[in-house]
Amino acid sequence: MAVIQNRKIAGRKLAEKIIKILNGEKPIVLAIPRGGVVVGEEIAKKLGCSLDVIISKKITPPNSPEYAIGAITHDGTIYQSQHWDRFSQSPKFEDEVNKKKLEVKRRLEEYRGSADYKIDNKTVILVDDGIATGSTVFVLLKWLAERKVKRVILAVPVIPSNTFEEMKPLVDSIIAIETPVEFSAVGQFYEEFDQVSDEEVMTILEKFKKPQTIDNGIS
């Protein structure tokens, strides 16, 4: 049963909850494209903070492109699910891992022009529009755990209760709207769950770019 109207309203609801635990801090929102960027925009606007993207890709067996057995980030950080060992000895498996790593790098270059992040001593709000099994989020939490961030808040409109419990020890807080026990797909909890285009993501990110100023010494 759909209980969340759309991504924008979900972002506003999450922001209201996040404000209560921030203690006046100025966080940075790291949103997962594409749908997570729409949610993240609303959170960043409400909190008056910056918005950026972070990307990971599912790792799947060579012949089962929908079956996630792990995930990888741009720098090679890997999350392995319980099914990893069943497939990792496959002759083409290393090719799959390398392909996904390159894909993440390419997407980061496309969206933000770099894979460098300045998040030391920052409170990071990791945002997606919904989590199912969570491989792509698990690997990003692992990546964040290896950075010198102040704390990590996971903000997501819908996350299954069992995934919520698995992720809870990996973050400082999880802010969610729905944590269903029975779950089949993220979209079932939204009234509107349209595809988000790359163009829409880029348009949102452009809004948060600071204007470039050049100091030419002329007063």
N, C-alpha and C. Protein backbone atom coordinates (compact mmCIF):
# COMPACT_ATOMS: atom_id res chain seq x y z
N MET A 1 0.85 -1.20 0.00
CA MET A 1 0.00 0.00 0.00
C MET A 1 0.88 1.25 0.00
N ALA A 2 0.65 2.16 -0.97
CA ALA A 2 1.45 3.37 -1.07
C ALA A 2 1.13 4.34 0.06
N VAL A 3 2.14 4.78 0.77
CA VAL A 3 1.92 5.70 1.89
C VAL A 3 2.76 6.97 1.76
N ILE A 4 3.69 7.00 0.80
CA ILE A 4 4.53 8.18 0.58
C ILE A 4 4.11 8.79 -0.75
N GLN A 5 3.78 10.08 -0.74
CA GLN A 5 3.25 10.67 -1.98
C GLN A 5 4.29 10.70 -3.09
N ASN A 6 5.44 11.27 -2.82
CA ASN A 6 6.51 11.32 -3.83
C ASN A 6 7.84 11.59 -3.15
N ARG A 7 8.91 11.63 -3.94
CA ARG A 7 10.26 11.79 -3.37
C ARG A 7 10.44 13.14 -2.70
N LYS A 8 9.88 14.19 -3.29
CA LYS A 8 10.05 15.53 -2.72
C LYS A 8 9.42 15.64 -1.34
N ILE A 9 8.21 15.15 -1.22
CA ILE A 9 7.53 15.20 0.08
C ILE A 9 8.25 14.30 1.08
N ALA A 10 8.74 13.16 0.61
CA ALA A 10 9.53 12.28 1.48
C ALA A 10 10.74 13.01 2.03
N GLY A 11 11.44 13.77 1.16
CA GLY A 11 12.61 14.52 1.59
C GLY A 11 12.28 15.55 2.65
N ARG A 12 11.15 16.22 2.48
CA ARG A 12 10.74 17.24 3.47
C ARG A 12 10.42 16.60 4.81
N LYS A 13 9.75 15.46 4.76
CA LYS A 13 9.42 14.75 6.02
C LYS A 13 10.68 14.28 6.73
N LEU A 14 11.63 13.76 5.96
CA LEU A 14 12.89 13.30 6.56
C LEU A 14 13.65 14.47 7.17
N ALA A 15 13.64 15.62 6.46
CA ALA A 15 14.35 16.80 6.96
C ALA A 15 13.81 17.25 8.31
N GLU A 16 12.49 17.20 8.47
CA GLU A 16 11.89 17.60 9.75
C GLU A 16 12.39 16.71 10.89
N LYS A 17 12.57 15.43 10.60
CA LYS A 17 13.06 14.50 11.62
C LYS A 17 14.55 14.73 11.90
N ILE A 18 15.31 15.02 10.82
CA ILE A 18 16.76 15.19 10.96
C ILE A 18 17.10 16.43 11.78
N ILE A 19 16.36 17.52 11.55
CA ILE A 19 16.61 18.78 12.26
C ILE A 19 16.68 18.55 13.77
N LYS A 20 15.83 17.65 14.26
CA LYS A 20 15.73 17.42 15.70
C LYS A 20 16.97 16.78 16.32
N ILE A 21 17.81 16.16 15.47
CA ILE A 21 18.99 15.48 16.03
C ILE A 21 20.31 16.14 15.62
N LEU A 22 20.24 17.30 14.96
CA LEU A 22 21.47 17.90 14.43
C LEU A 22 22.21 18.78 15.43
N ASN A 23 21.52 19.32 16.40
CA ASN A 23 22.17 20.20 17.39
C ASN A 23 22.90 21.37 16.74
N GLY A 24 22.26 21.93 15.71
CA GLY A 24 22.84 23.11 15.07
C GLY A 24 24.01 22.87 14.15
N GLU A 25 24.36 21.61 13.93
CA GLU A 25 25.48 21.30 13.03
C GLU A 25 25.12 21.63 11.58
N LYS A 26 26.16 21.85 10.77
CA LYS A 26 25.97 22.06 9.34
C LYS A 26 26.49 20.81 8.63
N PRO A 27 25.59 19.90 8.28
CA PRO A 27 26.02 18.63 7.67
C PRO A 27 26.26 18.77 6.18
N ILE A 28 26.64 17.68 5.56
CA ILE A 28 26.68 17.58 4.10
C ILE A 28 25.79 16.41 3.70
N VAL A 29 24.94 16.62 2.71
CA VAL A 29 24.07 15.56 2.21
C VAL A 29 24.77 14.86 1.05
N LEU A 30 24.97 13.56 1.19
CA LEU A 30 25.49 12.74 0.09
C LEU A 30 24.34 11.87 -0.41
N ALA A 31 23.87 12.16 -1.59
CA ALA A 31 22.70 11.47 -2.14
C ALA A 31 23.12 10.46 -3.20
N ILE A 32 22.37 9.36 -3.25
CA ILE A 32 22.65 8.29 -4.21
C ILE A 32 21.77 8.50 -5.43
N PRO A 33 22.37 8.72 -6.62
CA PRO A 33 21.56 8.92 -7.83
C PRO A 33 20.84 7.63 -8.23
N ARG A 34 19.68 7.74 -8.91
CA ARG A 34 19.20 9.06 -9.28
C ARG A 34 18.13 9.54 -8.30
N GLY A 35 17.23 8.64 -7.91
CA GLY A 35 16.10 9.05 -7.06
C GLY A 35 16.50 9.67 -5.75
N GLY A 36 17.61 9.22 -5.19
CA GLY A 36 18.06 9.77 -3.91
C GLY A 36 18.42 11.24 -3.98
N VAL A 37 18.76 11.72 -5.18
CA VAL A 37 19.12 13.13 -5.33
C VAL A 37 17.89 14.02 -5.20
N VAL A 38 16.74 13.54 -5.66
CA VAL A 38 15.49 14.30 -5.52
C VAL A 38 15.13 14.42 -4.04
N VAL A 39 15.27 13.32 -3.30
CA VAL A 39 15.01 13.33 -1.85
C VAL A 39 16.05 14.22 -1.16
N GLY A 40 17.31 14.05 -1.56
CA GLY A 40 18.40 14.80 -0.94
C GLY A 40 18.30 16.30 -1.15
N GLU A 41 17.78 16.71 -2.31
CA GLU A 41 17.62 18.15 -2.56
C GLU A 41 16.72 18.79 -1.51
N GLU A 42 15.61 18.13 -1.21
CA GLU A 42 14.68 18.69 -0.23
C GLU A 42 15.30 18.75 1.16
N ILE A 43 16.07 17.74 1.50
CA ILE A 43 16.73 17.72 2.81
C ILE A 43 17.76 18.85 2.89
N ALA A 44 18.60 18.97 1.85
CA ALA A 44 19.64 20.00 1.84
C ALA A 44 19.05 21.40 1.86
N LYS A 45 17.94 21.61 1.13
CA LYS A 45 17.28 22.93 1.13
C LYS A 45 16.78 23.28 2.53
N LYS A 46 16.13 22.31 3.15
CA LYS A 46 15.54 22.54 4.48
C LYS A 46 16.63 22.79 5.52
N LEU A 47 17.75 22.09 5.40
CA LEU A 47 18.82 22.23 6.39
C LEU A 47 19.79 23.35 6.03
N GLY A 48 19.66 23.90 4.83
CA GLY A 48 20.57 24.96 4.39
C GLY A 48 22.00 24.48 4.26
N CYS A 49 22.17 23.27 3.76
CA CYS A 49 23.52 22.71 3.66
C CYS A 49 23.82 22.27 2.23
N SER A 50 25.02 21.77 2.00
CA SER A 50 25.43 21.38 0.66
C SER A 50 24.88 20.01 0.28
N LEU A 51 24.77 19.80 -1.02
CA LEU A 51 24.30 18.52 -1.57
C LEU A 51 25.36 18.01 -2.54
N ASP A 52 25.70 16.75 -2.41
CA ASP A 52 26.65 16.11 -3.31
C ASP A 52 26.14 14.70 -3.59
N VAL A 53 26.79 14.03 -4.52
CA VAL A 53 26.40 12.65 -4.84
C VAL A 53 27.50 11.68 -4.46
N ILE A 54 27.10 10.47 -4.17
CA ILE A 54 28.02 9.36 -3.91
C ILE A 54 27.44 8.15 -4.63
N ILE A 55 28.32 7.35 -5.22
CA ILE A 55 27.84 6.28 -6.09
C ILE A 55 28.52 4.96 -5.76
N SER A 56 27.76 3.90 -5.82
CA SER A 56 28.32 2.54 -5.80
C SER A 56 27.53 1.72 -6.80
N LYS A 57 28.06 0.57 -7.14
CA LYS A 57 27.37 -0.30 -8.09
C LYS A 57 27.27 -1.71 -7.54
N LYS A 58 26.13 -2.33 -7.82
CA LYS A 58 25.96 -3.74 -7.44
C LYS A 58 26.95 -4.60 -8.21
N ILE A 59 27.47 -5.61 -7.53
CA ILE A 59 28.26 -6.64 -8.20
C ILE A 59 27.35 -7.86 -8.32
N THR A 60 27.25 -8.37 -9.54
CA THR A 60 26.34 -9.48 -9.81
C THR A 60 27.09 -10.61 -10.49
N PRO A 61 26.61 -11.85 -10.39
CA PRO A 61 27.22 -12.93 -11.16
C PRO A 61 27.13 -12.60 -12.64
N PRO A 62 28.14 -13.01 -13.44
CA PRO A 62 28.16 -12.65 -14.87
C PRO A 62 26.87 -12.93 -15.63
N ASN A 63 26.16 -13.99 -15.28
CA ASN A 63 24.95 -14.34 -16.03
C ASN A 63 23.65 -13.99 -15.31
N SER A 64 23.76 -13.25 -14.20
CA SER A 64 22.55 -12.87 -13.43
C SER A 64 22.61 -11.40 -13.06
N PRO A 65 22.37 -10.51 -14.02
CA PRO A 65 22.57 -9.08 -13.81
C PRO A 65 21.69 -8.43 -12.75
N GLU A 66 20.63 -9.10 -12.31
CA GLU A 66 19.76 -8.51 -11.30
C GLU A 66 20.04 -9.03 -9.88
N TYR A 67 20.92 -10.00 -9.76
CA TYR A 67 21.14 -10.68 -8.48
C TYR A 67 22.38 -10.12 -7.79
N ALA A 68 22.18 -9.20 -6.85
CA ALA A 68 23.30 -8.54 -6.18
C ALA A 68 23.93 -9.47 -5.14
N ILE A 69 25.24 -9.65 -5.28
CA ILE A 69 25.97 -10.43 -4.26
C ILE A 69 27.00 -9.56 -3.54
N GLY A 70 26.97 -8.26 -3.87
CA GLY A 70 27.88 -7.32 -3.24
C GLY A 70 27.81 -6.00 -3.97
N ALA A 71 28.75 -5.10 -3.64
CA ALA A 71 28.78 -3.79 -4.30
C ALA A 71 30.18 -3.22 -4.16
N ILE A 72 30.47 -2.19 -4.99
CA ILE A 72 31.81 -1.60 -5.02
C ILE A 72 31.73 -0.09 -5.19
N THR A 73 32.72 0.62 -4.64
CA THR A 73 32.82 2.07 -4.80
C THR A 73 33.94 2.40 -5.78
N HIS A 74 34.13 3.70 -6.04
CA HIS A 74 35.12 4.16 -7.02
C HIS A 74 36.55 3.78 -6.64
N ASP A 75 36.83 3.67 -5.34
CA ASP A 75 38.21 3.39 -4.91
C ASP A 75 38.45 1.91 -4.63
N GLY A 76 37.45 1.07 -4.97
CA GLY A 76 37.62 -0.37 -4.81
C GLY A 76 37.15 -0.92 -3.47
N THR A 77 36.54 -0.10 -2.62
CA THR A 77 35.92 -0.62 -1.40
C THR A 77 34.81 -1.59 -1.81
N ILE A 78 34.81 -2.78 -1.19
CA ILE A 78 33.86 -3.83 -1.58
C ILE A 78 33.04 -4.30 -0.38
N TYR A 79 31.76 -4.46 -0.63
CA TYR A 79 30.88 -5.13 0.34
C TYR A 79 30.53 -6.49 -0.24
N GLN A 80 30.69 -7.53 0.57
CA GLN A 80 30.38 -8.89 0.12
C GLN A 80 29.19 -9.42 0.91
N SER A 81 28.15 -9.83 0.19
CA SER A 81 27.00 -10.44 0.87
C SER A 81 27.32 -11.90 1.19
N GLN A 82 26.38 -12.56 1.84
CA GLN A 82 26.58 -13.96 2.24
C GLN A 82 26.70 -14.90 1.03
N HIS A 83 26.30 -14.43 -0.15
CA HIS A 83 26.34 -15.28 -1.34
C HIS A 83 27.61 -15.07 -2.18
N TRP A 84 28.49 -14.20 -1.72
CA TRP A 84 29.67 -13.82 -2.50
C TRP A 84 30.51 -15.04 -2.90
N ASP A 85 30.82 -15.87 -1.92
CA ASP A 85 31.75 -17.00 -2.16
C ASP A 85 31.23 -18.00 -3.19
N ARG A 86 29.90 -18.06 -3.36
CA ARG A 86 29.33 -18.99 -4.33
C ARG A 86 29.73 -18.64 -5.76
N PHE A 87 30.03 -17.35 -5.99
CA PHE A 87 30.26 -16.90 -7.37
C PHE A 87 31.66 -16.32 -7.60
N SER A 88 32.38 -16.00 -6.55
CA SER A 88 33.63 -15.25 -6.71
C SER A 88 34.75 -16.04 -7.38
N GLN A 89 34.59 -17.35 -7.48
CA GLN A 89 35.62 -18.16 -8.16
C GLN A 89 35.34 -18.31 -9.66
N SER A 90 34.25 -17.74 -10.12
CA SER A 90 33.90 -17.82 -11.55
C SER A 90 34.99 -17.16 -12.39
N PRO A 91 35.34 -17.73 -13.54
CA PRO A 91 36.42 -17.20 -14.39
C PRO A 91 36.23 -15.73 -14.78
N LYS A 92 34.97 -15.31 -14.97
CA LYS A 92 34.73 -13.94 -15.43
C LYS A 92 34.41 -12.98 -14.28
N PHE A 93 34.51 -13.47 -13.05
CA PHE A 93 34.06 -12.66 -11.93
C PHE A 93 34.92 -11.40 -11.73
N GLU A 94 36.21 -11.55 -11.88
CA GLU A 94 37.11 -10.40 -11.70
C GLU A 94 36.82 -9.32 -12.73
N ASP A 95 36.45 -9.75 -13.93
CA ASP A 95 36.09 -8.79 -14.98
C ASP A 95 34.86 -7.98 -14.57
N GLU A 96 33.91 -8.69 -13.97
CA GLU A 96 32.68 -8.02 -13.50
C GLU A 96 33.02 -6.97 -12.45
N VAL A 97 33.87 -7.31 -11.50
CA VAL A 97 34.25 -6.38 -10.42
C VAL A 97 34.95 -5.15 -11.01
N ASN A 98 35.90 -5.37 -11.89
CA ASN A 98 36.64 -4.26 -12.50
C ASN A 98 35.73 -3.38 -13.35
N LYS A 99 34.80 -4.01 -14.05
CA LYS A 99 33.86 -3.27 -14.90
C LYS A 99 33.00 -2.33 -14.06
N LYS A 100 32.51 -2.84 -12.93
CA LYS A 100 31.65 -2.03 -12.08
C LYS A 100 32.43 -0.88 -11.43
N LYS A 101 33.67 -1.14 -11.05
CA LYS A 101 34.50 -0.07 -10.46
C LYS A 101 34.70 1.06 -11.47
N LEU A 102 34.99 0.71 -12.71
CA LEU A 102 35.17 1.71 -13.76
C LEU A 102 33.88 2.48 -14.03
N GLU A 103 32.77 1.76 -13.94
CA GLU A 103 31.46 2.38 -14.16
C GLU A 103 31.17 3.43 -13.09
N VAL A 104 31.50 3.11 -11.84
CA VAL A 104 31.31 4.07 -10.75
C VAL A 104 32.16 5.31 -10.99
N LYS A 105 33.42 5.10 -11.37
CA LYS A 105 34.32 6.24 -11.64
C LYS A 105 33.76 7.11 -12.76
N ARG A 106 33.26 6.45 -13.80
CA ARG A 106 32.72 7.20 -14.94
C ARG A 106 31.51 8.03 -14.52
N ARG A 107 30.64 7.43 -13.71
CA ARG A 107 29.44 8.14 -13.26
C ARG A 107 29.79 9.33 -12.37
N LEU A 108 30.78 9.14 -11.50
CA LEU A 108 31.22 10.25 -10.65
C LEU A 108 31.79 11.39 -11.49
N GLU A 109 32.56 11.03 -12.47
CA GLU A 109 33.15 12.05 -13.37
C GLU A 109 32.03 12.82 -14.07
N GLU A 110 31.02 12.08 -14.49
CA GLU A 110 29.88 12.68 -15.21
C GLU A 110 29.10 13.63 -14.31
N TYR A 111 28.85 13.21 -13.09
CA TYR A 111 28.01 13.99 -12.18
C TYR A 111 28.76 15.11 -11.46
N ARG A 112 30.03 14.85 -11.06
CA ARG A 112 30.69 15.85 -10.23
C ARG A 112 32.11 16.19 -10.66
N GLY A 113 32.62 15.50 -11.70
CA GLY A 113 33.92 15.85 -12.26
C GLY A 113 35.12 15.35 -11.49
N SER A 114 34.90 14.66 -10.38
CA SER A 114 36.01 14.23 -9.53
C SER A 114 35.53 13.16 -8.56
N ALA A 115 36.50 12.41 -8.04
CA ALA A 115 36.17 11.42 -7.00
C ALA A 115 36.74 11.85 -5.65
N ASP A 116 37.09 13.14 -5.54
CA ASP A 116 37.64 13.66 -4.28
C ASP A 116 36.51 14.22 -3.41
N TYR A 117 36.52 13.85 -2.15
CA TYR A 117 35.51 14.32 -1.20
C TYR A 117 36.18 15.00 -0.02
N LYS A 118 35.64 16.16 0.35
CA LYS A 118 36.15 16.88 1.53
C LYS A 118 35.10 16.72 2.64
N ILE A 119 35.17 15.60 3.33
CA ILE A 119 34.15 15.32 4.35
C ILE A 119 34.75 15.05 5.73
N ASP A 120 36.04 15.31 5.89
CA ASP A 120 36.66 15.11 7.21
C ASP A 120 35.95 15.97 8.26
N ASN A 121 35.67 15.35 9.41
CA ASN A 121 35.04 16.03 10.55
C ASN A 121 33.66 16.60 10.23
N LYS A 122 33.03 16.08 9.19
CA LYS A 122 31.68 16.52 8.83
C LYS A 122 30.66 15.49 9.30
N THR A 123 29.46 15.98 9.60
CA THR A 123 28.32 15.08 9.76
C THR A 123 27.76 14.82 8.37
N VAL A 124 27.72 13.55 7.98
CA VAL A 124 27.27 13.17 6.64
C VAL A 124 25.87 12.56 6.73
N ILE A 125 24.98 13.06 5.89
CA ILE A 125 23.65 12.47 5.77
C ILE A 125 23.62 11.72 4.44
N LEU A 126 23.60 10.39 4.52
CA LEU A 126 23.55 9.55 3.32
C LEU A 126 22.09 9.32 2.97
N VAL A 127 21.72 9.65 1.74
CA VAL A 127 20.30 9.65 1.35
C VAL A 127 20.06 8.78 0.12
N ASP A 128 19.00 7.99 0.18
CA ASP A 128 18.49 7.30 -1.00
C ASP A 128 16.97 7.41 -0.97
N ASP A 129 16.32 7.02 -2.08
CA ASP A 129 14.86 7.11 -2.10
C ASP A 129 14.19 5.85 -1.58
N GLY A 130 14.99 4.86 -1.22
CA GLY A 130 14.48 3.62 -0.66
C GLY A 130 15.54 2.56 -0.71
N ILE A 131 15.48 1.61 0.21
CA ILE A 131 16.46 0.53 0.27
C ILE A 131 15.72 -0.79 0.26
N ALA A 132 16.22 -1.73 -0.54
CA ALA A 132 15.67 -3.09 -0.55
C ALA A 132 16.65 -4.00 0.20
N THR A 133 17.49 -4.72 -0.52
CA THR A 133 18.50 -5.56 0.15
C THR A 133 19.65 -4.72 0.68
N GLY A 134 19.96 -3.62 -0.03
CA GLY A 134 20.89 -2.65 0.53
C GLY A 134 22.35 -2.79 0.18
N SER A 135 22.71 -3.63 -0.77
CA SER A 135 24.14 -3.81 -1.10
C SER A 135 24.84 -2.49 -1.40
N THR A 136 24.20 -1.65 -2.23
CA THR A 136 24.85 -0.40 -2.63
C THR A 136 25.00 0.56 -1.46
N VAL A 137 24.12 0.46 -0.47
CA VAL A 137 24.24 1.31 0.72
C VAL A 137 25.24 0.71 1.72
N PHE A 138 25.22 -0.59 1.88
CA PHE A 138 26.19 -1.24 2.78
C PHE A 138 27.62 -0.86 2.41
N VAL A 139 27.94 -0.86 1.10
CA VAL A 139 29.31 -0.56 0.70
C VAL A 139 29.64 0.92 0.94
N LEU A 140 28.66 1.80 0.79
CA LEU A 140 28.91 3.22 1.05
C LEU A 140 29.08 3.48 2.54
N LEU A 141 28.38 2.74 3.37
CA LEU A 141 28.58 2.86 4.83
C LEU A 141 29.97 2.37 5.20
N LYS A 142 30.42 1.32 4.54
CA LYS A 142 31.78 0.82 4.77
C LYS A 142 32.81 1.87 4.34
N TRP A 143 32.56 2.48 3.20
CA TRP A 143 33.44 3.54 2.68
C TRP A 143 33.49 4.72 3.65
N LEU A 144 32.34 5.13 4.15
CA LEU A 144 32.28 6.25 5.09
C LEU A 144 32.99 5.92 6.40
N ALA A 145 32.89 4.65 6.81
CA ALA A 145 33.53 4.23 8.07
C ALA A 145 35.05 4.35 7.99
N GLU A 146 35.58 4.34 6.77
CA GLU A 146 37.02 4.46 6.57
C GLU A 146 37.46 5.90 6.39
N ARG A 147 36.53 6.85 6.40
CA ARG A 147 36.85 8.28 6.33
C ARG A 147 36.82 8.86 7.75
N LYS A 148 37.27 10.09 7.88
CA LYS A 148 37.32 10.74 9.20
C LYS A 148 36.09 11.63 9.40
N VAL A 149 34.91 11.04 9.15
CA VAL A 149 33.69 11.84 9.32
C VAL A 149 33.31 11.90 10.79
N LYS A 150 32.57 12.95 11.12
CA LYS A 150 32.15 13.15 12.52
C LYS A 150 31.09 12.13 12.90
N ARG A 151 30.04 12.06 12.10
CA ARG A 151 29.02 11.02 12.28
C ARG A 151 28.24 10.81 11.00
N VAL A 152 27.57 9.68 10.91
CA VAL A 152 26.81 9.32 9.72
C VAL A 152 25.34 9.12 10.08
N ILE A 153 24.49 9.84 9.35
CA ILE A 153 23.04 9.68 9.49
C ILE A 153 22.53 9.11 8.17
N LEU A 154 21.87 7.99 8.21
CA LEU A 154 21.25 7.41 7.02
C LEU A 154 19.80 7.88 6.98
N ALA A 155 19.43 8.56 5.88
CA ALA A 155 18.07 9.08 5.75
C ALA A 155 17.43 8.46 4.52
N VAL A 156 16.35 7.73 4.73
CA VAL A 156 15.72 7.00 3.63
C VAL A 156 14.22 6.88 3.89
N PRO A 157 13.39 7.16 2.90
CA PRO A 157 11.94 7.10 3.12
C PRO A 157 11.44 5.72 3.52
N VAL A 158 11.97 4.67 2.87
CA VAL A 158 11.48 3.32 3.17
C VAL A 158 12.65 2.34 3.20
N ILE A 159 12.65 1.49 4.24
CA ILE A 159 13.68 0.47 4.40
C ILE A 159 13.05 -0.71 5.14
N PRO A 160 13.20 -1.93 4.63
CA PRO A 160 12.61 -3.08 5.32
C PRO A 160 13.15 -3.20 6.74
N SER A 161 12.32 -3.67 7.64
CA SER A 161 12.70 -3.72 9.05
C SER A 161 13.96 -4.57 9.29
N ASN A 162 14.11 -5.66 8.53
CA ASN A 162 15.31 -6.50 8.74
C ASN A 162 16.57 -5.79 8.26
N THR A 163 16.48 -5.06 7.13
CA THR A 163 17.64 -4.29 6.65
C THR A 163 17.95 -3.15 7.61
N PHE A 164 16.90 -2.55 8.17
CA PHE A 164 17.07 -1.49 9.18
C PHE A 164 17.91 -2.01 10.34
N GLU A 165 17.58 -3.18 10.82
CA GLU A 165 18.31 -3.75 11.97
C GLU A 165 19.76 -4.08 11.61
N GLU A 166 19.98 -4.51 10.35
CA GLU A 166 21.35 -4.83 9.91
C GLU A 166 22.20 -3.56 9.80
N MET A 167 21.59 -2.47 9.38
CA MET A 167 22.34 -1.23 9.16
C MET A 167 22.50 -0.40 10.43
N LYS A 168 21.63 -0.60 11.38
CA LYS A 168 21.61 0.21 12.59
C LYS A 168 22.98 0.31 13.29
N PRO A 169 23.73 -0.80 13.43
CA PRO A 169 25.02 -0.70 14.11
C PRO A 169 26.09 0.02 13.29
N LEU A 170 25.82 0.24 11.99
CA LEU A 170 26.83 0.82 11.10
C LEU A 170 26.75 2.33 10.99
N VAL A 171 25.73 2.93 11.61
CA VAL A 171 25.53 4.38 11.52
C VAL A 171 25.25 4.95 12.91
N ASP A 172 25.28 6.28 12.99
CA ASP A 172 24.93 6.93 14.26
C ASP A 172 23.42 7.02 14.41
N SER A 173 22.72 7.21 13.29
CA SER A 173 21.25 7.29 13.32
C SER A 173 20.70 6.84 11.98
N ILE A 174 19.53 6.22 12.00
CA ILE A 174 18.76 5.98 10.77
C ILE A 174 17.44 6.74 10.91
N ILE A 175 17.18 7.59 9.92
CA ILE A 175 15.92 8.33 9.88
C ILE A 175 15.11 7.77 8.72
N ALA A 176 13.94 7.25 9.00
CA ALA A 176 13.09 6.63 7.97
C ALA A 176 11.64 7.02 8.19
N ILE A 177 10.85 6.88 7.14
CA ILE A 177 9.41 7.12 7.25
C ILE A 177 8.68 5.79 7.43
N GLU A 178 9.06 4.80 6.63
CA GLU A 178 8.43 3.48 6.70
C GLU A 178 9.49 2.40 6.88
N THR A 179 9.25 1.48 7.81
CA THR A 179 10.14 0.32 8.01
C THR A 179 9.28 -0.95 8.00
N PRO A 180 8.78 -1.32 6.83
CA PRO A 180 7.83 -2.43 6.74
C PRO A 180 8.47 -3.80 7.01
N VAL A 181 7.68 -4.68 7.58
CA VAL A 181 8.11 -6.08 7.76
C VAL A 181 7.93 -6.81 6.43
N GLU A 182 6.79 -6.60 5.79
CA GLU A 182 6.53 -7.21 4.48
C GLU A 182 6.93 -6.23 3.38
N PHE A 183 7.79 -6.68 2.49
CA PHE A 183 8.40 -5.78 1.52
C PHE A 183 8.66 -6.53 0.22
N SER A 184 8.28 -5.93 -0.91
CA SER A 184 8.64 -6.55 -2.19
C SER A 184 9.43 -5.59 -3.07
N ALA A 185 9.07 -4.30 -3.04
CA ALA A 185 9.80 -3.31 -3.84
C ALA A 185 9.60 -1.92 -3.26
N VAL A 186 10.59 -1.05 -3.43
CA VAL A 186 10.50 0.31 -2.91
C VAL A 186 9.29 1.03 -3.48
N GLY A 187 9.06 0.86 -4.78
CA GLY A 187 7.99 1.59 -5.46
C GLY A 187 6.60 1.36 -4.91
N GLN A 188 6.39 0.21 -4.25
CA GLN A 188 5.05 -0.07 -3.73
C GLN A 188 4.64 0.87 -2.61
N PHE A 189 5.61 1.59 -2.03
CA PHE A 189 5.32 2.48 -0.91
C PHE A 189 5.15 3.94 -1.36
N TYR A 190 5.26 4.17 -2.66
CA TYR A 190 5.09 5.52 -3.21
C TYR A 190 3.83 5.60 -4.07
N GLU A 191 3.13 6.74 -3.98
CA GLU A 191 2.05 7.00 -4.93
C GLU A 191 2.63 7.37 -6.29
N GLU A 192 3.70 8.19 -6.27
CA GLU A 192 4.38 8.59 -7.50
C GLU A 192 5.83 8.14 -7.39
N PHE A 193 6.27 7.32 -8.36
CA PHE A 193 7.64 6.81 -8.32
C PHE A 193 8.19 6.73 -9.74
N ASP A 194 8.18 7.91 -10.41
CA ASP A 194 8.63 7.97 -11.79
C ASP A 194 10.15 7.83 -11.87
N GLN A 195 10.62 7.43 -13.05
CA GLN A 195 12.06 7.38 -13.30
C GLN A 195 12.62 8.80 -13.21
N VAL A 196 13.82 8.90 -12.67
CA VAL A 196 14.52 10.19 -12.60
C VAL A 196 15.62 10.16 -13.65
N SER A 197 15.71 11.22 -14.46
CA SER A 197 16.70 11.25 -15.54
C SER A 197 18.03 11.83 -15.06
N ASP A 198 19.08 11.56 -15.82
CA ASP A 198 20.38 12.17 -15.55
C ASP A 198 20.29 13.68 -15.62
N GLU A 199 19.50 14.17 -16.56
CA GLU A 199 19.35 15.62 -16.72
C GLU A 199 18.77 16.25 -15.46
N GLU A 200 17.78 15.57 -14.87
CA GLU A 200 17.17 16.09 -13.64
C GLU A 200 18.19 16.12 -12.50
N VAL A 201 18.99 15.07 -12.41
CA VAL A 201 20.03 15.02 -11.38
C VAL A 201 21.01 16.18 -11.56
N MET A 202 21.48 16.38 -12.80
CA MET A 202 22.44 17.44 -13.06
C MET A 202 21.86 18.82 -12.76
N THR A 203 20.59 19.01 -13.08
CA THR A 203 19.93 20.29 -12.81
C THR A 203 19.89 20.57 -11.32
N ILE A 204 19.57 19.54 -10.54
CA ILE A 204 19.53 19.70 -9.08
C ILE A 204 20.92 20.03 -8.54
N LEU A 205 21.92 19.29 -8.99
CA LEU A 205 23.28 19.50 -8.49
C LEU A 205 23.80 20.89 -8.83
N GLU A 206 23.43 21.40 -10.00
CA GLU A 206 23.85 22.74 -10.42
C GLU A 206 23.39 23.81 -9.43
N LYS A 207 22.20 23.60 -8.85
CA LYS A 207 21.64 24.58 -7.91
C LYS A 207 22.52 24.74 -6.67
N PHE A 208 23.27 23.70 -6.35
CA PHE A 208 24.05 23.71 -5.12
C PHE A 208 25.52 24.06 -5.33
N LYS A 209 25.89 24.32 -6.58
CA LYS A 209 27.27 24.70 -6.86
C LYS A 209 27.49 26.15 -6.50
N LYS A 210 28.55 26.41 -5.77
CA LYS A 210 28.86 27.80 -5.41
C LYS A 210 29.39 28.51 -6.65
N PRO A 211 29.00 29.77 -6.83
CA PRO A 211 29.54 30.50 -7.98
C PRO A 211 31.05 30.66 -7.86
N GLN A 212 31.73 30.48 -8.97
CA GLN A 212 33.19 30.63 -8.98
C GLN A 212 33.55 32.11 -8.98
N THR A 213 34.38 32.52 -8.05
CA THR A 213 34.84 33.91 -8.02
C THR A 213 36.33 33.94 -8.26
N ILE A 214 36.76 34.94 -9.02
CA ILE A 214 38.19 35.07 -9.34
C ILE A 214 38.70 36.34 -8.69
N ASP A 215 39.71 36.20 -7.87
CA ASP A 215 40.33 37.35 -7.24
C ASP A 215 41.41 37.88 -8.17
N ASN A 216 41.11 38.96 -8.89
CA ASN A 216 42.09 39.50 -9.85
C ASN A 216 42.85 40.70 -9.30
N GLY A 217 42.63 40.97 -8.03
CA GLY A 217 43.39 42.04 -7.39
C GLY A 217 42.83 43.42 -7.65
N ILE A 218 41.70 43.51 -8.39
CA ILE A 218 41.11 44.82 -8.68
C ILE A 218 40.02 45.10 -7.64
N SER A 219 40.10 46.25 -6.99
CA SER A 219 39.09 46.58 -5.98
C SER A 219 38.16 47.66 -6.49
